[in-house]
Amino acid sequence: MARYVTGNLPAEVTSFVGRGSEVAAARKLLAGTRLLTLTGPGGVGKTRLARRVGEAVRRAFPDGVWLVEVAHVNDGALVALTVAQALGL
């Protein structure tokens, strides 16, 4: 029996309205990659979108879907380390 890891997606506590086209576009991109980065100015809903997409595709990723926050990383050289730490590597 396959073991399914849920990852680290936080639970949504409010409703998610609209942005169906963005969710569909991200799902399509994830069909061809294992890593997707959402970028944009603060406050536009990147984290909420990432959580929604993660929930939508989590069954396709037996090792889980992981959300890694990198907004606090001020040195680009530390992004890979931040991701590795979040994944427990």
N, C-alpha and C. Protein backbone atom coordinates (compact mmCIF):
# COMPACT_ATOMS: atom_id res chain seq x y z
N MET A 1 0.84 -1.17 0.00
CA MET A 1 0.00 0.00 0.00
C MET A 1 0.89 1.24 0.00
N ALA A 2 0.59 2.19 -0.86
CA ALA A 2 1.37 3.42 -0.94
C ALA A 2 1.08 4.30 0.28
N ARG A 3 2.12 4.95 0.76
CA ARG A 3 1.97 5.86 1.89
C ARG A 3 1.84 7.27 1.34
N TYR A 4 0.79 7.96 1.69
CA TYR A 4 0.57 9.32 1.21
C TYR A 4 0.86 10.31 2.32
N VAL A 5 1.80 11.19 2.04
CA VAL A 5 2.17 12.24 2.98
C VAL A 5 1.39 13.48 2.57
N THR A 6 0.79 14.12 3.52
CA THR A 6 -0.05 15.26 3.18
C THR A 6 0.75 16.51 2.91
N GLY A 7 2.00 16.56 3.30
CA GLY A 7 2.79 17.78 3.13
C GLY A 7 2.57 18.70 4.30
N ASN A 8 2.66 20.00 4.02
CA ASN A 8 2.55 20.96 5.11
C ASN A 8 1.54 22.05 4.82
N LEU A 9 0.56 21.78 3.98
CA LEU A 9 -0.40 22.81 3.63
C LEU A 9 -1.27 23.19 4.83
N PRO A 10 -1.25 24.47 5.20
CA PRO A 10 -2.11 24.89 6.31
C PRO A 10 -3.58 24.85 5.89
N ALA A 11 -4.44 24.60 6.85
CA ALA A 11 -5.87 24.56 6.56
C ALA A 11 -6.38 25.95 6.24
N GLU A 12 -7.30 26.02 5.30
CA GLU A 12 -7.95 27.30 4.99
C GLU A 12 -9.05 27.53 6.00
N VAL A 13 -9.13 28.75 6.50
CA VAL A 13 -10.15 29.06 7.50
C VAL A 13 -11.22 30.01 6.94
N THR A 14 -11.03 30.47 5.72
CA THR A 14 -12.03 31.32 5.08
C THR A 14 -12.30 30.77 3.70
N SER A 15 -13.37 31.24 3.07
CA SER A 15 -13.73 30.74 1.75
C SER A 15 -12.81 31.30 0.68
N PHE A 16 -12.73 30.60 -0.41
CA PHE A 16 -11.88 30.97 -1.55
C PHE A 16 -12.82 31.23 -2.72
N VAL A 17 -12.88 32.45 -3.18
CA VAL A 17 -13.83 32.82 -4.23
C VAL A 17 -13.08 33.25 -5.47
N GLY A 18 -13.49 32.71 -6.61
CA GLY A 18 -12.91 33.13 -7.88
C GLY A 18 -11.52 32.58 -8.11
N ARG A 19 -10.83 33.17 -9.06
CA ARG A 19 -9.47 32.80 -9.45
C ARG A 19 -9.37 31.40 -10.02
N GLY A 20 -10.50 30.91 -10.55
CA GLY A 20 -10.50 29.58 -11.15
C GLY A 20 -9.54 29.46 -12.31
N SER A 21 -9.38 30.53 -13.08
CA SER A 21 -8.46 30.47 -14.22
C SER A 21 -7.02 30.36 -13.75
N GLU A 22 -6.67 31.03 -12.65
CA GLU A 22 -5.31 30.92 -12.12
C GLU A 22 -5.05 29.53 -11.56
N VAL A 23 -6.03 28.96 -10.89
CA VAL A 23 -5.88 27.59 -10.37
C VAL A 23 -5.70 26.63 -11.53
N ALA A 24 -6.50 26.77 -12.57
CA ALA A 24 -6.39 25.89 -13.74
C ALA A 24 -5.03 26.03 -14.42
N ALA A 25 -4.54 27.26 -14.54
CA ALA A 25 -3.24 27.49 -15.18
C ALA A 25 -2.12 26.86 -14.36
N ALA A 26 -2.18 27.00 -13.05
CA ALA A 26 -1.15 26.41 -12.19
C ALA A 26 -1.19 24.89 -12.25
N ARG A 27 -2.40 24.33 -12.26
CA ARG A 27 -2.53 22.87 -12.36
C ARG A 27 -1.93 22.37 -13.67
N LYS A 28 -2.16 23.10 -14.74
CA LYS A 28 -1.61 22.72 -16.04
C LYS A 28 -0.08 22.77 -16.00
N LEU A 29 0.47 23.82 -15.39
CA LEU A 29 1.93 23.92 -15.28
C LEU A 29 2.50 22.78 -14.44
N LEU A 30 1.81 22.39 -13.39
CA LEU A 30 2.30 21.32 -12.52
C LEU A 30 2.25 19.95 -13.19
N ALA A 31 1.53 19.84 -14.27
CA ALA A 31 1.52 18.57 -15.00
C ALA A 31 2.88 18.28 -15.62
N GLY A 32 3.70 19.33 -15.80
CA GLY A 32 5.00 19.15 -16.43
C GLY A 32 6.18 19.47 -15.55
N THR A 33 5.94 19.72 -14.25
CA THR A 33 7.04 20.06 -13.35
C THR A 33 6.68 19.64 -11.94
N ARG A 34 7.67 19.58 -11.08
CA ARG A 34 7.42 19.25 -9.67
C ARG A 34 7.54 20.46 -8.77
N LEU A 35 7.97 21.58 -9.33
CA LEU A 35 8.18 22.80 -8.55
C LEU A 35 7.54 23.96 -9.28
N LEU A 36 6.72 24.70 -8.57
CA LEU A 36 6.06 25.86 -9.15
C LEU A 36 6.24 27.03 -8.19
N THR A 37 6.71 28.15 -8.70
CA THR A 37 6.90 29.35 -7.90
C THR A 37 5.90 30.40 -8.33
N LEU A 38 5.16 30.93 -7.36
CA LEU A 38 4.23 32.02 -7.64
C LEU A 38 4.88 33.32 -7.19
N THR A 39 4.92 34.30 -8.07
CA THR A 39 5.54 35.58 -7.73
C THR A 39 4.55 36.71 -7.97
N GLY A 40 4.80 37.81 -7.32
CA GLY A 40 3.96 39.00 -7.49
C GLY A 40 4.07 39.88 -6.27
N PRO A 41 3.47 41.05 -6.34
CA PRO A 41 3.54 41.98 -5.21
C PRO A 41 2.80 41.43 -3.99
N GLY A 42 3.19 41.91 -2.83
CA GLY A 42 2.56 41.49 -1.59
C GLY A 42 1.08 41.82 -1.57
N GLY A 43 0.31 40.92 -1.01
CA GLY A 43 -1.10 41.17 -0.81
C GLY A 43 -2.03 40.78 -1.93
N VAL A 44 -1.50 40.16 -3.00
CA VAL A 44 -2.37 39.79 -4.12
C VAL A 44 -2.95 38.39 -4.00
N GLY A 45 -2.55 37.64 -2.97
CA GLY A 45 -3.13 36.33 -2.74
C GLY A 45 -2.33 35.15 -3.23
N LYS A 46 -1.02 35.30 -3.34
CA LYS A 46 -0.17 34.20 -3.82
C LYS A 46 -0.24 32.99 -2.88
N THR A 47 -0.19 33.23 -1.59
CA THR A 47 -0.21 32.12 -0.64
C THR A 47 -1.54 31.40 -0.68
N ARG A 48 -2.63 32.14 -0.72
CA ARG A 48 -3.96 31.50 -0.80
C ARG A 48 -4.09 30.70 -2.09
N LEU A 49 -3.60 31.25 -3.19
CA LEU A 49 -3.65 30.54 -4.46
C LEU A 49 -2.80 29.27 -4.38
N ALA A 50 -1.61 29.37 -3.80
CA ALA A 50 -0.74 28.20 -3.68
C ALA A 50 -1.40 27.10 -2.85
N ARG A 51 -2.05 27.48 -1.75
CA ARG A 51 -2.74 26.49 -0.93
C ARG A 51 -3.86 25.82 -1.71
N ARG A 52 -4.62 26.60 -2.45
CA ARG A 52 -5.74 26.04 -3.22
C ARG A 52 -5.24 25.08 -4.29
N VAL A 53 -4.20 25.49 -5.00
CA VAL A 53 -3.63 24.63 -6.04
C VAL A 53 -3.05 23.36 -5.41
N GLY A 54 -2.35 23.50 -4.31
CA GLY A 54 -1.79 22.35 -3.61
C GLY A 54 -2.85 21.34 -3.22
N GLU A 55 -3.95 21.84 -2.70
CA GLU A 55 -5.06 20.95 -2.35
C GLU A 55 -5.62 20.24 -3.58
N ALA A 56 -5.69 20.97 -4.69
CA ALA A 56 -6.27 20.42 -5.92
C ALA A 56 -5.41 19.32 -6.53
N VAL A 57 -4.09 19.38 -6.32
CA VAL A 57 -3.20 18.43 -6.99
C VAL A 57 -2.55 17.43 -6.04
N ARG A 58 -2.84 17.51 -4.77
CA ARG A 58 -2.10 16.71 -3.79
C ARG A 58 -2.15 15.21 -4.05
N ARG A 59 -3.22 14.70 -4.61
CA ARG A 59 -3.31 13.25 -4.87
C ARG A 59 -2.33 12.80 -5.94
N ALA A 60 -1.88 13.72 -6.79
CA ALA A 60 -0.93 13.37 -7.84
C ALA A 60 0.51 13.31 -7.33
N PHE A 61 0.72 13.71 -6.07
CA PHE A 61 2.06 13.76 -5.51
C PHE A 61 2.11 12.90 -4.24
N PRO A 62 2.47 11.62 -4.38
CA PRO A 62 2.45 10.71 -3.23
C PRO A 62 3.36 11.15 -2.08
N ASP A 63 4.38 11.94 -2.36
CA ASP A 63 5.28 12.42 -1.30
C ASP A 63 4.77 13.68 -0.64
N GLY A 64 3.62 14.17 -1.06
CA GLY A 64 3.03 15.33 -0.44
C GLY A 64 3.22 16.61 -1.24
N VAL A 65 2.50 17.61 -0.82
CA VAL A 65 2.58 18.95 -1.41
C VAL A 65 3.05 19.87 -0.31
N TRP A 66 4.10 20.63 -0.59
CA TRP A 66 4.74 21.46 0.43
C TRP A 66 4.71 22.92 0.03
N LEU A 67 4.35 23.75 0.96
CA LEU A 67 4.38 25.20 0.79
C LEU A 67 5.60 25.72 1.52
N VAL A 68 6.48 26.41 0.80
CA VAL A 68 7.68 26.96 1.42
C VAL A 68 7.64 28.48 1.28
N GLU A 69 7.54 29.15 2.38
CA GLU A 69 7.53 30.62 2.38
C GLU A 69 8.97 31.11 2.29
N VAL A 70 9.25 31.97 1.32
CA VAL A 70 10.60 32.51 1.17
C VAL A 70 10.63 34.04 1.25
N ALA A 71 9.51 34.64 1.60
CA ALA A 71 9.45 36.10 1.67
C ALA A 71 10.46 36.66 2.68
N HIS A 72 10.74 35.91 3.72
CA HIS A 72 11.65 36.38 4.76
C HIS A 72 13.13 36.19 4.40
N VAL A 73 13.41 35.51 3.30
CA VAL A 73 14.79 35.23 2.91
C VAL A 73 15.34 36.45 2.15
N ASN A 74 16.34 37.09 2.73
CA ASN A 74 16.89 38.31 2.15
C ASN A 74 18.09 38.06 1.24
N ASP A 75 18.63 36.86 1.27
CA ASP A 75 19.80 36.51 0.47
C ASP A 75 19.40 35.38 -0.48
N GLY A 76 19.47 35.64 -1.78
CA GLY A 76 19.09 34.64 -2.77
C GLY A 76 19.85 33.34 -2.64
N ALA A 77 21.05 33.41 -2.11
CA ALA A 77 21.86 32.20 -1.93
C ALA A 77 21.27 31.28 -0.87
N LEU A 78 20.36 31.80 -0.05
CA LEU A 78 19.78 30.99 1.03
C LEU A 78 18.43 30.38 0.67
N VAL A 79 17.94 30.64 -0.53
CA VAL A 79 16.63 30.09 -0.93
C VAL A 79 16.67 28.57 -0.95
N ALA A 80 17.69 27.99 -1.57
CA ALA A 80 17.77 26.52 -1.64
C ALA A 80 17.85 25.91 -0.25
N LEU A 81 18.61 26.52 0.64
CA LEU A 81 18.71 26.03 2.02
C LEU A 81 17.36 26.11 2.72
N THR A 82 16.64 27.20 2.51
CA THR A 82 15.32 27.38 3.12
C THR A 82 14.37 26.29 2.64
N VAL A 83 14.39 26.00 1.35
CA VAL A 83 13.53 24.96 0.79
C VAL A 83 13.93 23.60 1.37
N ALA A 84 15.22 23.31 1.41
CA ALA A 84 15.69 22.04 1.94
C ALA A 84 15.29 21.85 3.40
N GLN A 85 15.39 22.91 4.19
CA GLN A 85 15.00 22.82 5.60
C GLN A 85 13.50 22.57 5.73
N ALA A 86 12.70 23.25 4.92
CA ALA A 86 11.25 23.07 4.99
C ALA A 86 10.86 21.65 4.63
N LEU A 87 11.62 21.01 3.74
CA LEU A 87 11.33 19.65 3.32
C LEU A 87 11.98 18.60 4.23
N GLY A 88 12.73 19.07 5.23
CA GLY A 88 13.38 18.15 6.16
C GLY A 88 14.55 17.42 5.57
N LEU A 89 15.23 18.04 4.62
CA LEU A 89 16.40 17.42 3.97
C LEU A 89 17.69 17.82 4.66
